[in-house]
Amino acid sequence: MLDKDKIGARLGALRKSRGFSQALLSERLNVSPQAVSKWETGTADPSTSNLLALAKLFGVPAEELLHQATGGGV
């Protein structure tokens, strides 16, 4: 299970570090801006396909997003 607070904080930090607004990120992923907001606030999880797309867009391995979200461990 993903730690929603951690993944949300990580996604928000990556988005901001790349200079994306929530609206721009949502356009790039073809999701609503509300979906991005929900991911970042921890009220919803991105789907597996969206996690992969986020990792590709941010230039990080998908495992890094998941590792950060779960606090490590397998």
PDB file of N, CA and C in Angstrom:
ATOM      1  N   MET A   1       0.843  -1.181   0.000  1.00  0.00           N
ATOM      2  CA  MET A   1       0.000   0.000   0.000  1.00  0.00           C
ATOM      3  C   MET A   1       0.892   1.250   0.000  1.00  0.00           C
ATOM      4  N   LEU A   2       0.521   2.222  -0.808  1.00  0.00           N
ATOM      5  CA  LEU A   2       1.282   3.449  -0.905  1.00  0.00           C
ATOM      6  C   LEU A   2       0.972   4.367   0.273  1.00  0.00           C
ATOM      7  N   ASP A   3       1.998   5.038   0.763  1.00  0.00           N
ATOM      8  CA  ASP A   3       1.787   6.084   1.759  1.00  0.00           C
ATOM      9  C   ASP A   3       1.405   7.334   0.986  1.00  0.00           C
ATOM     10  N   LYS A   4       0.112   7.663   1.007  1.00  0.00           N
ATOM     11  CA  LYS A   4      -0.419   8.728   0.154  1.00  0.00           C
ATOM     12  C   LYS A   4       0.202  10.077   0.459  1.00  0.00           C
ATOM     13  N   ASP A   5       0.503  10.344   1.725  1.00  0.00           N
ATOM     14  CA  ASP A   5       1.115  11.625   2.067  1.00  0.00           C
ATOM     15  C   ASP A   5       2.502  11.740   1.451  1.00  0.00           C
ATOM     16  N   LYS A   6       3.258  10.654   1.523  1.00  0.00           N
ATOM     17  CA  LYS A   6       4.623  10.686   0.995  1.00  0.00           C
ATOM     18  C   LYS A   6       4.636  10.768  -0.524  1.00  0.00           C
ATOM     19  N   ILE A   7       3.805   9.979  -1.189  1.00  0.00           N
ATOM     20  CA  ILE A   7       3.807  10.041  -2.646  1.00  0.00           C
ATOM     21  C   ILE A   7       3.288  11.391  -3.119  1.00  0.00           C
ATOM     22  N   GLY A   8       2.302  11.930  -2.438  1.00  0.00           N
ATOM     23  CA  GLY A   8       1.778  13.241  -2.808  1.00  0.00           C
ATOM     24  C   GLY A   8       2.824  14.329  -2.663  1.00  0.00           C
ATOM     25  N   ALA A   9       3.551  14.296  -1.555  1.00  0.00           N
ATOM     26  CA  ALA A   9       4.606  15.282  -1.333  1.00  0.00           C
ATOM     27  C   ALA A   9       5.707  15.131  -2.371  1.00  0.00           C
ATOM     28  N   ARG A  10       6.057  13.893  -2.686  1.00  0.00           N
ATOM     29  CA  ARG A  10       7.107  13.642  -3.682  1.00  0.00           C
ATOM     30  C   ARG A  10       6.661  14.133  -5.054  1.00  0.00           C
ATOM     31  N   LEU A  11       5.435  13.829  -5.450  1.00  0.00           N
ATOM     32  CA  LEU A  11       4.942  14.278  -6.754  1.00  0.00           C
ATOM     33  C   LEU A  11       4.885  15.800  -6.828  1.00  0.00           C
ATOM     34  N   GLY A  12       4.420  16.427  -5.762  1.00  0.00           N
ATOM     35  CA  GLY A  12       4.364  17.884  -5.730  1.00  0.00           C
ATOM     36  C   GLY A  12       5.742  18.509  -5.844  1.00  0.00           C
ATOM     37  N   ALA A  13       6.700  17.936  -5.132  1.00  0.00           N
ATOM     38  CA  ALA A  13       8.066  18.460  -5.174  1.00  0.00           C
ATOM     39  C   ALA A  13       8.677  18.287  -6.566  1.00  0.00           C
ATOM     40  N   LEU A  14       8.473  17.130  -7.168  1.00  0.00           N
ATOM     41  CA  LEU A  14       8.995  16.900  -8.520  1.00  0.00           C
ATOM     42  C   LEU A  14       8.338  17.839  -9.524  1.00  0.00           C
ATOM     43  N   ARG A  15       7.038  18.016  -9.403  1.00  0.00           N
ATOM     44  CA  ARG A  15       6.321  18.901 -10.326  1.00  0.00           C
ATOM     45  C   ARG A  15       6.861  20.324 -10.223  1.00  0.00           C
ATOM     46  N   LYS A  16       6.992  20.810  -9.004  1.00  0.00           N
ATOM     47  CA  LYS A  16       7.478  22.172  -8.806  1.00  0.00           C
ATOM     48  C   LYS A  16       8.923  22.331  -9.254  1.00  0.00           C
ATOM     49  N   SER A  17       9.746  21.316  -9.004  1.00  0.00           N
ATOM     50  CA  SER A  17      11.156  21.409  -9.394  1.00  0.00           C
ATOM     51  C   SER A  17      11.330  21.436 -10.912  1.00  0.00           C
ATOM     52  N   ARG A  18      10.337  20.913 -11.624  1.00  0.00           N
ATOM     53  CA  ARG A  18      10.384  20.927 -13.092  1.00  0.00           C
ATOM     54  C   ARG A  18       9.667  22.149 -13.670  1.00  0.00           C
ATOM     55  N   GLY A  19       9.104  22.971 -12.787  1.00  0.00           N
ATOM     56  CA  GLY A  19       8.435  24.194 -13.225  1.00  0.00           C
ATOM     57  C   GLY A  19       7.061  23.977 -13.834  1.00  0.00           C
ATOM     58  N   PHE A  20       6.434  22.847 -13.504  1.00  0.00           N
ATOM     59  CA  PHE A  20       5.094  22.555 -14.021  1.00  0.00           C
ATOM     60  C   PHE A  20       4.033  23.052 -13.055  1.00  0.00           C
ATOM     61  N   SER A  21       2.972  23.623 -13.583  1.00  0.00           N
ATOM     62  CA  SER A  21       1.776  23.866 -12.778  1.00  0.00           C
ATOM     63  C   SER A  21       0.983  22.560 -12.763  1.00  0.00           C
ATOM     64  N   GLN A  22       0.011  22.480 -11.879  1.00  0.00           N
ATOM     65  CA  GLN A  22      -0.851  21.296 -11.884  1.00  0.00           C
ATOM     66  C   GLN A  22      -1.589  21.191 -13.213  1.00  0.00           C
ATOM     67  N   ALA A  23      -1.986  22.340 -13.766  1.00  0.00           N
ATOM     68  CA  ALA A  23      -2.710  22.337 -15.042  1.00  0.00           C
ATOM     69  C   ALA A  23      -1.828  21.812 -16.171  1.00  0.00           C
ATOM     70  N   LEU A  24      -0.565  22.241 -16.216  1.00  0.00           N
ATOM     71  CA  LEU A  24       0.332  21.777 -17.271  1.00  0.00           C
ATOM     72  C   LEU A  24       0.604  20.284 -17.129  1.00  0.00           C
ATOM     73  N   LEU A  25       0.842  19.837 -15.902  1.00  0.00           N
ATOM     74  CA  LEU A  25       1.074  18.411 -15.684  1.00  0.00           C
ATOM     75  C   LEU A  25      -0.148  17.602 -16.105  1.00  0.00           C
ATOM     76  N   SER A  26      -1.317  18.092 -15.776  1.00  0.00           N
ATOM     77  CA  SER A  26      -2.534  17.361 -16.148  1.00  0.00           C
ATOM     78  C   SER A  26      -2.672  17.275 -17.668  1.00  0.00           C
ATOM     79  N   GLU A  27      -2.309  18.345 -18.372  1.00  0.00           N
ATOM     80  CA  GLU A  27      -2.349  18.314 -19.841  1.00  0.00           C
ATOM     81  C   GLU A  27      -1.381  17.280 -20.384  1.00  0.00           C
ATOM     82  N   ARG A  28      -0.175  17.242 -19.824  1.00  0.00           N
ATOM     83  CA  ARG A  28       0.846  16.294 -20.294  1.00  0.00           C
ATOM     84  C   ARG A  28       0.413  14.848 -20.091  1.00  0.00           C
ATOM     85  N   LEU A  29      -0.347  14.602 -19.031  1.00  0.00           N
ATOM     86  CA  LEU A  29      -0.769  13.238 -18.700  1.00  0.00           C
ATOM     87  C   LEU A  29      -2.170  12.909 -19.191  1.00  0.00           C
ATOM     88  N   ASN A  30      -2.843  13.919 -19.737  1.00  0.00           N
ATOM     89  CA  ASN A  30      -4.211  13.746 -20.206  1.00  0.00           C
ATOM     90  C   ASN A  30      -5.153  13.311 -19.077  1.00  0.00           C
ATOM     91  N   VAL A  31      -4.999  14.003 -17.946  1.00  0.00           N
ATOM     92  CA  VAL A  31      -5.898  13.817 -16.801  1.00  0.00           C
ATOM     93  C   VAL A  31      -6.392  15.197 -16.387  1.00  0.00           C
ATOM     94  N   SER A  32      -7.345  15.251 -15.496  1.00  0.00           N
ATOM     95  CA  SER A  32      -7.864  16.539 -15.049  1.00  0.00           C
ATOM     96  C   SER A  32      -6.905  17.170 -14.034  1.00  0.00           C
ATOM     97  N   PRO A  33      -6.916  18.495 -13.942  1.00  0.00           N
ATOM     98  CA  PRO A  33      -6.124  19.146 -12.896  1.00  0.00           C
ATOM     99  C   PRO A  33      -6.549  18.686 -11.498  1.00  0.00           C
ATOM    100  N   GLN A  34      -7.816  18.345 -11.357  1.00  0.00           N
ATOM    101  CA  GLN A  34      -8.303  17.851 -10.068  1.00  0.00           C
ATOM    102  C   GLN A  34      -7.647  16.528  -9.706  1.00  0.00           C
ATOM    103  N   ALA A  35      -7.371  15.685 -10.703  1.00  0.00           N
ATOM    104  CA  ALA A  35      -6.700  14.408 -10.435  1.00  0.00           C
ATOM    105  C   ALA A  35      -5.307  14.658  -9.875  1.00  0.00           C
ATOM    106  N   VAL A  36      -4.578  15.591 -10.484  1.00  0.00           N
ATOM    107  CA  VAL A  36      -3.235  15.918 -10.000  1.00  0.00           C
ATOM    108  C   VAL A  36      -3.313  16.447  -8.569  1.00  0.00           C
ATOM    109  N   SER A  37      -4.261  17.314  -8.308  1.00  0.00           N
ATOM    110  CA  SER A  37      -4.440  17.855  -6.966  1.00  0.00           C
ATOM    111  C   SER A  37      -4.727  16.748  -5.962  1.00  0.00           C
ATOM    112  N   LYS A  38      -5.582  15.812  -6.329  1.00  0.00           N
ATOM    113  CA  LYS A  38      -5.920  14.700  -5.430  1.00  0.00           C
ATOM    114  C   LYS A  38      -4.712  13.817  -5.158  1.00  0.00           C
ATOM    115  N   TRP A  39      -3.871  13.586  -6.167  1.00  0.00           N
ATOM    116  CA  TRP A  39      -2.650  12.800  -5.952  1.00  0.00           C
ATOM    117  C   TRP A  39      -1.750  13.495  -4.949  1.00  0.00           C
ATOM    118  N   GLU A  40      -1.604  14.808  -5.129  1.00  0.00           N
ATOM    119  CA  GLU A  40      -0.680  15.556  -4.282  1.00  0.00           C
ATOM    120  C   GLU A  40      -1.189  15.722  -2.857  1.00  0.00           C
ATOM    121  N   THR A  41      -2.490  15.744  -2.676  1.00  0.00           N
ATOM    122  CA  THR A  41      -3.053  15.870  -1.326  1.00  0.00           C
ATOM    123  C   THR A  41      -3.277  14.515  -0.660  1.00  0.00           C
ATOM    124  N   GLY A  42      -3.100  13.442  -1.414  1.00  0.00           N
ATOM    125  CA  GLY A  42      -3.254  12.104  -0.853  1.00  0.00           C
ATOM    126  C   GLY A  42      -4.677  11.601  -0.801  1.00  0.00           C
ATOM    127  N   THR A  43      -5.604  12.287  -1.480  1.00  0.00           N
ATOM    128  CA  THR A  43      -6.988  11.812  -1.476  1.00  0.00           C
ATOM    129  C   THR A  43      -7.245  10.773  -2.555  1.00  0.00           C
ATOM    130  N   ALA A  44      -6.270  10.596  -3.471  1.00  0.00           N
ATOM    131  CA  ALA A  44      -6.374   9.568  -4.510  1.00  0.00           C
ATOM    132  C   ALA A  44      -4.968   9.154  -4.924  1.00  0.00           C
ATOM    133  N   ASP A  45      -4.845   7.937  -5.423  1.00  0.00           N
ATOM    134  CA  ASP A  45      -3.571   7.426  -5.933  1.00  0.00           C
ATOM    135  C   ASP A  45      -3.573   7.477  -7.452  1.00  0.00           C
ATOM    136  N   PRO A  46      -2.435   7.820  -8.061  1.00  0.00           N
ATOM    137  CA  PRO A  46      -2.347   7.708  -9.513  1.00  0.00           C
ATOM    138  C   PRO A  46      -2.380   6.233  -9.912  1.00  0.00           C
ATOM    139  N   SER A  47      -2.955   5.952 -11.060  1.00  0.00           N
ATOM    140  CA  SER A  47      -2.969   4.580 -11.564  1.00  0.00           C
ATOM    141  C   SER A  47      -1.544   4.154 -11.902  1.00  0.00           C
ATOM    142  N   THR A  48      -1.361   2.884 -12.109  1.00  0.00           N
ATOM    143  CA  THR A  48      -0.045   2.373 -12.485  1.00  0.00           C
ATOM    144  C   THR A  48       0.438   3.035 -13.766  1.00  0.00           C
ATOM    145  N   SER A  49      -0.428   3.162 -14.746  1.00  0.00           N
ATOM    146  CA  SER A  49      -0.010   3.788 -16.003  1.00  0.00           C
ATOM    147  C   SER A  49       0.347   5.255 -15.785  1.00  0.00           C
ATOM    148  N   ASN A  50      -0.373   5.943 -14.906  1.00  0.00           N
ATOM    149  CA  ASN A  50      -0.033   7.335 -14.616  1.00  0.00           C
ATOM    150  C   ASN A  50       1.262   7.439 -13.818  1.00  0.00           C
ATOM    151  N   LEU A  51       1.517   6.504 -12.912  1.00  0.00           N
ATOM    152  CA  LEU A  51       2.788   6.489 -12.190  1.00  0.00           C
ATOM    153  C   LEU A  51       3.953   6.325 -13.156  1.00  0.00           C
ATOM    154  N   LEU A  52       3.791   5.425 -14.117  1.00  0.00           N
ATOM    155  CA  LEU A  52       4.845   5.220 -15.114  1.00  0.00           C
ATOM    156  C   LEU A  52       5.046   6.466 -15.964  1.00  0.00           C
ATOM    157  N   ALA A  53       3.946   7.107 -16.342  1.00  0.00           N
ATOM    158  CA  ALA A  53       4.034   8.329 -17.141  1.00  0.00           C
ATOM    159  C   ALA A  53       4.684   9.450 -16.333  1.00  0.00           C
ATOM    160  N   LEU A  54       4.349   9.556 -15.054  1.00  0.00           N
ATOM    161  CA  LEU A  54       4.961  10.566 -14.192  1.00  0.00           C
ATOM    162  C   LEU A  54       6.465  10.339 -14.082  1.00  0.00           C
ATOM    163  N   ALA A  55       6.864   9.101 -13.871  1.00  0.00           N
ATOM    164  CA  ALA A  55       8.282   8.784 -13.752  1.00  0.00           C
ATOM    165  C   ALA A  55       9.022   9.158 -15.035  1.00  0.00           C
ATOM    166  N   LYS A  56       8.436   8.835 -16.164  1.00  0.00           N
ATOM    167  CA  LYS A  56       9.065   9.164 -17.447  1.00  0.00           C
ATOM    168  C   LYS A  56       9.159  10.678 -17.628  1.00  0.00           C
ATOM    169  N   LEU A  57       8.090  11.373 -17.345  1.00  0.00           N
ATOM    170  CA  LEU A  57       8.052  12.825 -17.503  1.00  0.00           C
ATOM    171  C   LEU A  57       9.059  13.517 -16.580  1.00  0.00           C
ATOM    172  N   PHE A  58       9.191  13.028 -15.344  1.00  0.00           N
ATOM    173  CA  PHE A  58      10.098  13.625 -14.387  1.00  0.00           C
ATOM    174  C   PHE A  58      11.531  13.117 -14.529  1.00  0.00           C
ATOM    175  N   GLY A  59      11.717  12.086 -15.347  1.00  0.00           N
ATOM    176  CA  GLY A  59      13.056  11.552 -15.568  1.00  0.00           C
ATOM    177  C   GLY A  59      13.615  10.789 -14.385  1.00  0.00           C
ATOM    178  N   VAL A  60      12.722  10.096 -13.676  1.00  0.00           N
ATOM    179  CA  VAL A  60      13.148   9.274 -12.550  1.00  0.00           C
ATOM    180  C   VAL A  60      12.605   7.864 -12.751  1.00  0.00           C
ATOM    181  N   PRO A  61      13.279   6.866 -12.192  1.00  0.00           N
ATOM    182  CA  PRO A  61      12.735   5.506 -12.282  1.00  0.00           C
ATOM    183  C   PRO A  61      11.418   5.400 -11.513  1.00  0.00           C
ATOM    184  N   ALA A  62      10.486   4.647 -12.039  1.00  0.00           N
ATOM    185  CA  ALA A  62       9.207   4.454 -11.344  1.00  0.00           C
ATOM    186  C   ALA A  62       9.435   3.890  -9.949  1.00  0.00           C
ATOM    187  N   GLU A  63      10.441   3.036  -9.816  1.00  0.00           N
ATOM    188  CA  GLU A  63      10.744   2.446  -8.519  1.00  0.00           C
ATOM    189  C   GLU A  63      11.088   3.523  -7.495  1.00  0.00           C
ATOM    190  N   GLU A  64      11.706   4.619  -7.968  1.00  0.00           N
ATOM    191  CA  GLU A  64      12.040   5.703  -7.048  1.00  0.00           C
ATOM    192  C   GLU A  64      10.781   6.349  -6.480  1.00  0.00           C
ATOM    193  N   LEU A  65       9.780   6.531  -7.315  1.00  0.00           N
ATOM    194  CA  LEU A  65       8.514   7.083  -6.821  1.00  0.00           C
ATOM    195  C   LEU A  65       7.887   6.152  -5.806  1.00  0.00           C
ATOM    196  N   LEU A  66       7.884   4.879  -6.098  1.00  0.00           N
ATOM    197  CA  LEU A  66       7.284   3.903  -5.188  1.00  0.00           C
ATOM    198  C   LEU A  66       8.123   3.730  -3.926  1.00  0.00           C
ATOM    199  N   HIS A  67       9.419   3.705  -4.100  1.00  0.00           N
ATOM    200  CA  HIS A  67      10.322   3.555  -2.945  1.00  0.00           C
ATOM    201  C   HIS A  67      10.146   4.725  -1.990  1.00  0.00           C
ATOM    202  N   GLN A  68      10.100   5.913  -2.532  1.00  0.00           N
ATOM    203  CA  GLN A  68       9.905   7.107  -1.712  1.00  0.00           C
ATOM    204  C   GLN A  68       8.558   7.052  -1.002  1.00  0.00           C
ATOM    205  N   ALA A  69       7.558   6.515  -1.695  1.00  0.00           N
ATOM    206  CA  ALA A  69       6.192   6.512  -1.148  1.00  0.00           C
ATOM    207  C   ALA A  69       6.024   5.474  -0.039  1.00  0.00           C
ATOM    208  N   THR A  70       6.753   4.390  -0.128  1.00  0.00           N
ATOM    209  CA  THR A  70       6.568   3.316   0.854  1.00  0.00           C
ATOM    210  C   THR A  70       7.611   3.348   1.960  1.00  0.00           C
ATOM    211  N   GLY A  71       8.568   4.256   1.836  1.00  0.00           N
ATOM    212  CA  GLY A  71       9.620   4.340   2.860  1.00  0.00           C
ATOM    213  C   GLY A  71      10.663   3.273   2.697  1.00  0.00           C
ATOM    214  N   GLY A  72      10.785   2.706   1.505  1.00  0.00           N
ATOM    215  CA  GLY A  72      11.784   1.693   1.246  1.00  0.00           C
ATOM    216  C   GLY A  72      11.246   0.304   1.478  1.00  0.00           C
ATOM    217  N   GLY A  73      12.120  -0.641   1.396  1.00  0.00           N
ATOM    218  CA  GLY A  73      11.705  -2.031   1.591  1.00  0.00           C
ATOM    219  C   GLY A  73      10.969  -2.566   0.387  1.00  0.00           C
ATOM    220  N   VAL A  74      10.920  -3.858   0.317  1.00  0.00           N
ATOM    221  CA  VAL A  74      10.276  -4.506  -0.813  1.00  0.00           C
ATOM    222  C   VAL A  74       9.086  -5.282  -0.352  1.00  0.00           C
TER     223      VAL A  74
END
